């Protein structure tokens, strides 16, 4: 991908990225609410309104730097974390786990929804490349966020799940590493470890499934 294509894809990706991050957080807020914790609901986080979730640094600056730094290989960003009071859950570990995993699950669902948008555009005979490209980037962004959030490093969702089930002596190591998490992710990314051995295998697996579903719908435009 040359510089022009990189900047073009970055511009087209802003809207899908905003929705991806907002959907991730609102899904966790909804899960917590249904499981008995109304903390996020009381703070107005049970909404898809981006202004309630987005963080300038994590939702804009870091995603752009990561995308440009990896030459469009993947996205990474975050929004304001959902406040959770696990004391309100009937089953602490189960319900906390379900609440946390609602975020990555939401991104996976949204990736399939962007695939549905491509099918809809095809049958509505809307051949505008901007919308098709945006939908394709929506799939890519959501699969990227899904994959990286499964990484067992705090404060990512995978790290929270690991902390939830790890023995005490290991949980302390996870907590101590949290302050270095951004640098660890960047280091793993620069050496291609994160991209080649974690991100791409997960992204490619689900991307093939989405592409198969799209083609089964009679669409062969991507």
C-alpha atoms as a PDB file:
ATOM      1  CA  UNK A   1       0.000   0.000   0.000  1.00  0.00           C
ATOM      2  CA  UNK A   2       1.547   3.309  -1.132  1.00  0.00           C
ATOM      3  CA  UNK A   3       1.243   6.574   0.804  1.00  0.00           C
ATOM      4  CA  UNK A   4      -1.725   7.830  -1.230  1.00  0.00           C
ATOM      5  CA  UNK A   5      -3.691   4.633  -0.709  1.00  0.00           C
ATOM      6  CA  UNK A   6      -2.765   4.631   2.978  1.00  0.00           C
ATOM      7  CA  UNK A   7      -4.093   8.169   3.519  1.00  0.00           C
ATOM      8  CA  UNK A   8      -7.196   7.412   1.441  1.00  0.00           C
ATOM      9  CA  UNK A   9      -8.010   4.301   3.463  1.00  0.00           C
ATOM     10  CA  UNK A  10      -7.404   6.243   6.685  1.00  0.00           C
ATOM     11  CA  UNK A  11      -9.913   8.925   5.669  1.00  0.00           C
ATOM     12  CA  UNK A  12     -12.564   6.367   4.694  1.00  0.00           C
ATOM     13  CA  UNK A  13     -12.036   4.471   7.949  1.00  0.00           C
ATOM     14  CA  UNK A  14     -12.879   7.231  10.424  1.00  0.00           C
ATOM     15  CA  UNK A  15     -16.644   6.604  10.485  1.00  0.00           C
ATOM     16  CA  UNK A  16     -16.382   2.787  10.811  1.00  0.00           C
ATOM     17  CA  UNK A  17     -13.777   3.247  13.552  1.00  0.00           C
ATOM     18  CA  UNK A  18     -16.000   5.592  15.570  1.00  0.00           C
ATOM     19  CA  UNK A  19     -18.927   3.162  15.323  1.00  0.00           C
ATOM     20  CA  UNK A  20     -16.713   0.185  16.158  1.00  0.00           C
ATOM     21  CA  UNK A  21     -15.408   1.734  19.371  1.00  0.00           C
ATOM     22  CA  UNK A  22     -18.842   3.044  20.397  1.00  0.00           C
ATOM     23  CA  UNK A  23     -20.534  -0.306  19.727  1.00  0.00           C
ATOM     24  CA  UNK A  24     -17.826  -2.102  21.731  1.00  0.00           C
ATOM     25  CA  UNK A  25     -18.369   0.042  24.832  1.00  0.00           C
ATOM     26  CA  UNK A  26     -22.156   0.223  24.617  1.00  0.00           C
ATOM     27  CA  UNK A  27     -22.318  -3.578  24.300  1.00  0.00           C
ATOM     28  CA  UNK A  28     -20.374  -3.944  27.543  1.00  0.00           C
ATOM     29  CA  UNK A  29     -22.628  -1.383  29.222  1.00  0.00           C
ATOM     30  CA  UNK A  30     -25.721  -3.267  28.019  1.00  0.00           C
ATOM     31  CA  UNK A  31     -24.351  -6.624  29.189  1.00  0.00           C
ATOM     32  CA  UNK A  32     -23.540  -5.205  32.627  1.00  0.00           C
ATOM     33  CA  UNK A  33     -27.024  -3.680  32.854  1.00  0.00           C
ATOM     34  CA  UNK A  34     -28.770  -6.943  31.944  1.00  0.00           C
ATOM     35  CA  UNK A  35     -26.625  -8.846  34.446  1.00  0.00           C
ATOM     36  CA  UNK A  36     -27.518  -6.525  37.309  1.00  0.00           C
ATOM     37  CA  UNK A  37     -24.952  -3.699  37.317  1.00  0.00           C
ATOM     38  CA  UNK A  38     -26.484  -0.307  36.451  1.00  0.00           C
ATOM     39  CA  UNK A  39     -23.286   1.715  36.993  1.00  0.00           C
ATOM     40  CA  UNK A  40     -22.633   2.374  33.300  1.00  0.00           C
ATOM     41  CA  UNK A  41     -26.330   2.983  32.686  1.00  0.00           C
ATOM     42  CA  UNK A  42     -26.448   5.621  35.427  1.00  0.00           C
ATOM     43  CA  UNK A  43     -23.486   7.387  33.803  1.00  0.00           C
ATOM     44  CA  UNK A  44     -25.202   7.528  30.417  1.00  0.00           C
ATOM     45  CA  UNK A  45     -22.992   4.904  28.773  1.00  0.00           C
ATOM     46  CA  UNK A  46     -25.823   2.667  27.596  1.00  0.00           C
ATOM     47  CA  UNK A  47     -25.913   4.432  24.231  1.00  0.00           C
ATOM     48  CA  UNK A  48     -24.352   4.321  20.764  1.00  0.00           C
ATOM     49  CA  UNK A  49     -23.711   8.070  20.932  1.00  0.00           C
ATOM     50  CA  UNK A  50     -19.950   8.358  20.196  1.00  0.00           C
ATOM     51  CA  UNK A  51     -19.559  11.469  22.355  1.00  0.00           C
ATOM     52  CA  UNK A  52     -20.281   9.352  25.445  1.00  0.00           C
ATOM     53  CA  UNK A  53     -17.545   6.834  24.685  1.00  0.00           C
ATOM     54  CA  UNK A  54     -14.714   8.291  22.618  1.00  0.00           C
ATOM     55  CA  UNK A  55     -11.376   9.437  23.963  1.00  0.00           C
ATOM     56  CA  UNK A  56      -9.269  11.836  21.874  1.00  0.00           C
ATOM     57  CA  UNK A  57      -6.011   9.997  22.529  1.00  0.00           C
ATOM     58  CA  UNK A  58      -7.205   6.395  22.385  1.00  0.00           C
ATOM     59  CA  UNK A  59      -9.953   6.836  19.782  1.00  0.00           C
ATOM     60  CA  UNK A  60      -8.149   9.056  17.280  1.00  0.00           C
ATOM     61  CA  UNK A  61      -4.436   9.686  17.821  1.00  0.00           C
ATOM     62  CA  UNK A  62      -3.328   6.139  18.699  1.00  0.00           C
ATOM     63  CA  UNK A  63      -5.423   4.452  15.951  1.00  0.00           C
ATOM     64  CA  UNK A  64      -3.930   6.773  13.325  1.00  0.00           C
ATOM     65  CA  UNK A  65      -0.371   6.236  14.585  1.00  0.00           C
ATOM     66  CA  UNK A  66      -0.808   2.455  14.722  1.00  0.00           C
ATOM     67  CA  UNK A  67      -2.407   2.301  11.280  1.00  0.00           C
ATOM     68  CA  UNK A  68       0.294   4.430   9.689  1.00  0.00           C
ATOM     69  CA  UNK A  69       3.042   2.666  11.648  1.00  0.00           C
ATOM     70  CA  UNK A  70       1.923  -0.781  10.482  1.00  0.00           C
ATOM     71  CA  UNK A  71       1.298   0.527   6.936  1.00  0.00           C
ATOM     72  CA  UNK A  72      -2.359  -0.397   7.127  1.00  0.00           C
ATOM     73  CA  UNK A  73      -1.841  -3.904   8.519  1.00  0.00           C
ATOM     74  CA  UNK A  74      -4.278  -3.448  11.400  1.00  0.00           C
ATOM     75  CA  UNK A  75      -6.069  -1.031  13.697  1.00  0.00           C
ATOM     76  CA  UNK A  76      -5.785  -0.526  17.417  1.00  0.00           C
ATOM     77  CA  UNK A  77      -7.690   1.969  19.511  1.00  0.00           C
ATOM     78  CA  UNK A  78      -9.798   2.284  22.595  1.00  0.00           C
ATOM     79  CA  UNK A  79     -12.573   4.379  24.088  1.00  0.00           C
ATOM     80  CA  UNK A  80     -13.351   5.390  27.659  1.00  0.00           C
ATOM     81  CA  UNK A  81     -13.634   2.181  29.681  1.00  0.00           C
ATOM     82  CA  UNK A  82     -17.083   1.200  30.914  1.00  0.00           C
ATOM     83  CA  UNK A  83     -17.431   1.514  34.710  1.00  0.00           C
ATOM     84  CA  UNK A  84     -18.298  -1.874  36.175  1.00  0.00           C
ATOM     85  CA  UNK A  85     -19.151  -2.704  39.776  1.00  0.00           C
ATOM     86  CA  UNK A  86     -18.917  -6.493  39.878  1.00  0.00           C
ATOM     87  CA  UNK A  87     -20.443  -6.551  43.374  1.00  0.00           C
ATOM     88  CA  UNK A  88     -23.799  -6.093  41.671  1.00  0.00           C
ATOM     89  CA  UNK A  89     -23.472  -9.356  39.749  1.00  0.00           C
ATOM     90  CA  UNK A  90     -25.060 -12.558  41.020  1.00  0.00           C
ATOM     91  CA  UNK A  91     -22.091 -14.611  39.846  1.00  0.00           C
ATOM     92  CA  UNK A  92     -18.934 -12.486  40.064  1.00  0.00           C
ATOM     93  CA  UNK A  93     -16.638 -14.338  37.652  1.00  0.00           C
ATOM     94  CA  UNK A  94     -19.233 -15.498  35.140  1.00  0.00           C
ATOM     95  CA  UNK A  95     -21.041 -12.172  34.834  1.00  0.00           C
ATOM     96  CA  UNK A  96     -17.843 -10.101  34.807  1.00  0.00           C
ATOM     97  CA  UNK A  97     -16.484 -12.354  32.073  1.00  0.00           C
ATOM     98  CA  UNK A  98     -19.689 -12.057  30.015  1.00  0.00           C
ATOM     99  CA  UNK A  99     -19.663  -8.280  30.389  1.00  0.00           C
ATOM    100  CA  UNK A 100     -16.045  -7.977  29.270  1.00  0.00           C
ATOM    101  CA  UNK A 101     -16.453 -10.349  26.324  1.00  0.00           C
ATOM    102  CA  UNK A 102     -19.532  -8.456  25.124  1.00  0.00           C
ATOM    103  CA  UNK A 103     -17.142  -5.834  23.684  1.00  0.00           C
ATOM    104  CA  UNK A 104     -15.117  -8.099  21.365  1.00  0.00           C
ATOM    105  CA  UNK A 105     -18.297 -10.020  20.506  1.00  0.00           C
ATOM    106  CA  UNK A 106     -19.914  -6.740  19.447  1.00  0.00           C
ATOM    107  CA  UNK A 107     -17.012  -6.002  17.102  1.00  0.00           C
ATOM    108  CA  UNK A 108     -17.283  -9.452  15.557  1.00  0.00           C
ATOM    109  CA  UNK A 109     -21.023  -8.957  15.039  1.00  0.00           C
ATOM    110  CA  UNK A 110     -20.423  -5.521  13.532  1.00  0.00           C
ATOM    111  CA  UNK A 111     -17.899  -7.003  11.091  1.00  0.00           C
ATOM    112  CA  UNK A 112     -20.644  -9.314   9.817  1.00  0.00           C
ATOM    113  CA  UNK A 113     -23.067  -6.360   9.683  1.00  0.00           C
ATOM    114  CA  UNK A 114     -20.651  -4.446   7.446  1.00  0.00           C
ATOM    115  CA  UNK A 115     -20.611  -7.543   5.257  1.00  0.00           C
ATOM    116  CA  UNK A 116     -24.403  -7.307   5.121  1.00  0.00           C
ATOM    117  CA  UNK A 117     -24.036  -3.676   4.031  1.00  0.00           C
ATOM    118  CA  UNK A 118     -21.955  -4.831   1.055  1.00  0.00           C
ATOM    119  CA  UNK A 119     -24.706  -7.290   0.090  1.00  0.00           C
ATOM    120  CA  UNK A 120     -27.342  -4.562   0.483  1.00  0.00           C
ATOM    121  CA  UNK A 121     -25.362  -2.115  -1.668  1.00  0.00           C
ATOM    122  CA  UNK A 122     -25.058  -4.770  -4.362  1.00  0.00           C
ATOM    123  CA  UNK A 123     -28.780  -5.534  -4.501  1.00  0.00           C
ATOM    124  CA  UNK A 124     -29.705  -1.853  -4.369  1.00  0.00           C
ATOM    125  CA  UNK A 125     -27.341  -1.395  -7.336  1.00  0.00           C
ATOM    126  CA  UNK A 126     -25.318   1.240  -5.480  1.00  0.00           C
ATOM    127  CA  UNK A 127     -21.923   0.998  -7.131  1.00  0.00           C
ATOM    128  CA  UNK A 128     -20.346   4.015  -5.443  1.00  0.00           C
ATOM    129  CA  UNK A 129     -16.822   2.865  -4.552  1.00  0.00           C
ATOM    130  CA  UNK A 130     -16.697   5.104  -1.471  1.00  0.00           C
ATOM    131  CA  UNK A 131     -19.486   3.198   0.303  1.00  0.00           C
ATOM    132  CA  UNK A 132     -18.193  -0.208  -0.774  1.00  0.00           C
ATOM    133  CA  UNK A 133     -14.699   0.667   0.429  1.00  0.00           C
ATOM    134  CA  UNK A 134     -16.082   2.003   3.717  1.00  0.00           C
ATOM    135  CA  UNK A 135     -17.980  -1.232   4.322  1.00  0.00           C
ATOM    136  CA  UNK A 136     -14.864  -3.274   3.532  1.00  0.00           C
ATOM    137  CA  UNK A 137     -12.841  -1.151   5.966  1.00  0.00           C
ATOM    138  CA  UNK A 138     -15.627  -1.585   8.535  1.00  0.00           C
ATOM    139  CA  UNK A 139     -15.064  -5.342   8.344  1.00  0.00           C
ATOM    140  CA  UNK A 140     -11.310  -4.923   8.673  1.00  0.00           C
ATOM    141  CA  UNK A 141     -11.459  -2.456  11.565  1.00  0.00           C
ATOM    142  CA  UNK A 142     -13.889  -4.527  13.615  1.00  0.00           C
ATOM    143  CA  UNK A 143     -11.937  -7.733  13.070  1.00  0.00           C
ATOM    144  CA  UNK A 144      -8.753  -5.896  14.087  1.00  0.00           C
ATOM    145  CA  UNK A 145     -10.360  -4.628  17.291  1.00  0.00           C
ATOM    146  CA  UNK A 146     -11.822  -8.066  17.965  1.00  0.00           C
ATOM    147  CA  UNK A 147      -8.425  -9.745  17.563  1.00  0.00           C
ATOM    148  CA  UNK A 148      -6.317  -7.306  19.533  1.00  0.00           C
ATOM    149  CA  UNK A 149      -8.791  -7.122  22.401  1.00  0.00           C
ATOM    150  CA  UNK A 150      -8.361 -10.872  22.904  1.00  0.00           C
ATOM    151  CA  UNK A 151      -4.646 -10.338  23.615  1.00  0.00           C
ATOM    152  CA  UNK A 152      -4.020 -11.288  27.295  1.00  0.00           C
ATOM    153  CA  UNK A 153      -2.441  -7.951  28.227  1.00  0.00           C
ATOM    154  CA  UNK A 154      -4.067  -5.366  30.485  1.00  0.00           C
ATOM    155  CA  UNK A 155      -5.986  -3.130  29.955  1.00  0.00           C
ATOM    156  CA  UNK A 156      -7.247  -5.088  26.927  1.00  0.00           C
ATOM    157  CA  UNK A 157     -10.305  -7.282  27.399  1.00  0.00           C
ATOM    158  CA  UNK A 158      -8.228 -10.434  27.058  1.00  0.00           C
ATOM    159  CA  UNK A 159      -6.007  -9.185  29.874  1.00  0.00           C
ATOM    160  CA  UNK A 160      -9.026  -8.555  32.086  1.00  0.00           C
ATOM    161  CA  UNK A 161     -10.252 -12.089  31.468  1.00  0.00           C
ATOM    162  CA  UNK A 162      -6.774 -13.473  32.219  1.00  0.00           C
ATOM    163  CA  UNK A 163      -6.667 -11.432  35.443  1.00  0.00           C
ATOM    164  CA  UNK A 164     -10.088 -12.723  36.422  1.00  0.00           C
ATOM    165  CA  UNK A 165      -9.027 -16.369  36.289  1.00  0.00           C
ATOM    166  CA  UNK A 166      -5.274 -16.212  36.973  1.00  0.00           C
ATOM    167  CA  UNK A 167      -3.816 -17.413  40.309  1.00  0.00           C
ATOM    168  CA  UNK A 168      -2.887 -14.555  42.632  1.00  0.00           C
ATOM    169  CA  UNK A 169       0.884 -14.709  42.040  1.00  0.00           C
ATOM    170  CA  UNK A 170       0.402 -14.466  38.274  1.00  0.00           C
ATOM    171  CA  UNK A 171      -2.289 -11.799  38.513  1.00  0.00           C
ATOM    172  CA  UNK A 172       0.178  -9.482  40.212  1.00  0.00           C
ATOM    173  CA  UNK A 173       2.546  -9.829  37.253  1.00  0.00           C
ATOM    174  CA  UNK A 174      -0.278  -8.906  34.885  1.00  0.00           C
ATOM    175  CA  UNK A 175      -1.109  -5.836  36.956  1.00  0.00           C
ATOM    176  CA  UNK A 176       2.535  -4.751  37.147  1.00  0.00           C
ATOM    177  CA  UNK A 177       2.929  -5.051  33.365  1.00  0.00           C
ATOM    178  CA  UNK A 178      -0.109  -2.875  32.640  1.00  0.00           C
ATOM    179  CA  UNK A 179       1.838   0.390  32.754  1.00  0.00           C
ATOM    180  CA  UNK A 180       4.069  -0.932  29.969  1.00  0.00           C
ATOM    181  CA  UNK A 181       1.237  -2.388  27.884  1.00  0.00           C
ATOM    182  CA  UNK A 182       1.313   0.227  25.120  1.00  0.00           C
ATOM    183  CA  UNK A 183       5.067  -0.165  24.655  1.00  0.00           C
ATOM    184  CA  UNK A 184       4.763  -3.973  24.704  1.00  0.00           C
ATOM    185  CA  UNK A 185       2.110  -3.853  21.989  1.00  0.00           C
ATOM    186  CA  UNK A 186       4.165  -1.438  19.885  1.00  0.00           C
ATOM    187  CA  UNK A 187       7.299  -3.556  20.302  1.00  0.00           C
ATOM    188  CA  UNK A 188       5.496  -6.746  19.328  1.00  0.00           C
ATOM    189  CA  UNK A 189       4.029  -4.903  16.365  1.00  0.00           C
ATOM    190  CA  UNK A 190       7.348  -3.463  15.151  1.00  0.00           C
ATOM    191  CA  UNK A 191       8.953  -6.905  15.126  1.00  0.00           C
ATOM    192  CA  UNK A 192       5.953  -8.391  13.319  1.00  0.00           C
ATOM    193  CA  UNK A 193       5.162 -10.799  16.137  1.00  0.00           C
ATOM    194  CA  UNK A 194       1.775  -9.306  16.960  1.00  0.00           C
ATOM    195  CA  UNK A 195       0.797  -8.927  13.320  1.00  0.00           C
ATOM    196  CA  UNK A 196       1.992 -12.249  11.896  1.00  0.00           C
ATOM    197  CA  UNK A 197       1.326 -14.613  14.799  1.00  0.00           C
ATOM    198  CA  UNK A 198      -1.767 -13.120  16.430  1.00  0.00           C
ATOM    199  CA  UNK A 199      -3.633 -10.470  14.464  1.00  0.00           C
ATOM    200  CA  UNK A 200      -3.512 -11.794  10.910  1.00  0.00           C
ATOM    201  CA  UNK A 201      -4.416 -15.432  11.707  1.00  0.00           C
ATOM    202  CA  UNK A 202      -7.534 -14.309  13.610  1.00  0.00           C
ATOM    203  CA  UNK A 203      -8.473 -11.592  11.111  1.00  0.00           C
ATOM    204  CA  UNK A 204      -7.960 -13.833   8.081  1.00  0.00           C
ATOM    205  CA  UNK A 205      -9.985 -16.669   9.620  1.00  0.00           C
ATOM    206  CA  UNK A 206     -13.096 -14.579  10.219  1.00  0.00           C
ATOM    207  CA  UNK A 207     -12.589 -12.538   7.060  1.00  0.00           C
ATOM    208  CA  UNK A 208     -12.812 -15.753   5.025  1.00  0.00           C
ATOM    209  CA  UNK A 209     -16.057 -16.653   6.780  1.00  0.00           C
ATOM    210  CA  UNK A 210     -17.548 -13.205   6.083  1.00  0.00           C
ATOM    211  CA  UNK A 211     -16.383 -13.332   2.459  1.00  0.00           C
ATOM    212  CA  UNK A 212     -17.935 -16.787   2.090  1.00  0.00           C
ATOM    213  CA  UNK A 213     -21.264 -15.539   3.482  1.00  0.00           C
ATOM    214  CA  UNK A 214     -21.174 -12.555   1.105  1.00  0.00           C
ATOM    215  CA  UNK A 215     -20.478 -14.784  -1.881  1.00  0.00           C
ATOM    216  CA  UNK A 216     -23.202 -17.199  -0.836  1.00  0.00           C
ATOM    217  CA  UNK A 217     -25.544 -14.210  -1.066  1.00  0.00           C
ATOM    218  CA  UNK A 218     -24.681 -13.957  -4.730  1.00  0.00           C
ATOM    219  CA  UNK A 219     -22.257 -11.046  -4.400  1.00  0.00           C
ATOM    220  CA  UNK A 220     -18.844 -11.266  -6.061  1.00  0.00           C
ATOM    221  CA  UNK A 221     -17.830  -7.612  -5.985  1.00  0.00           C
ATOM    222  CA  UNK A 222     -14.996  -7.989  -3.429  1.00  0.00           C
END
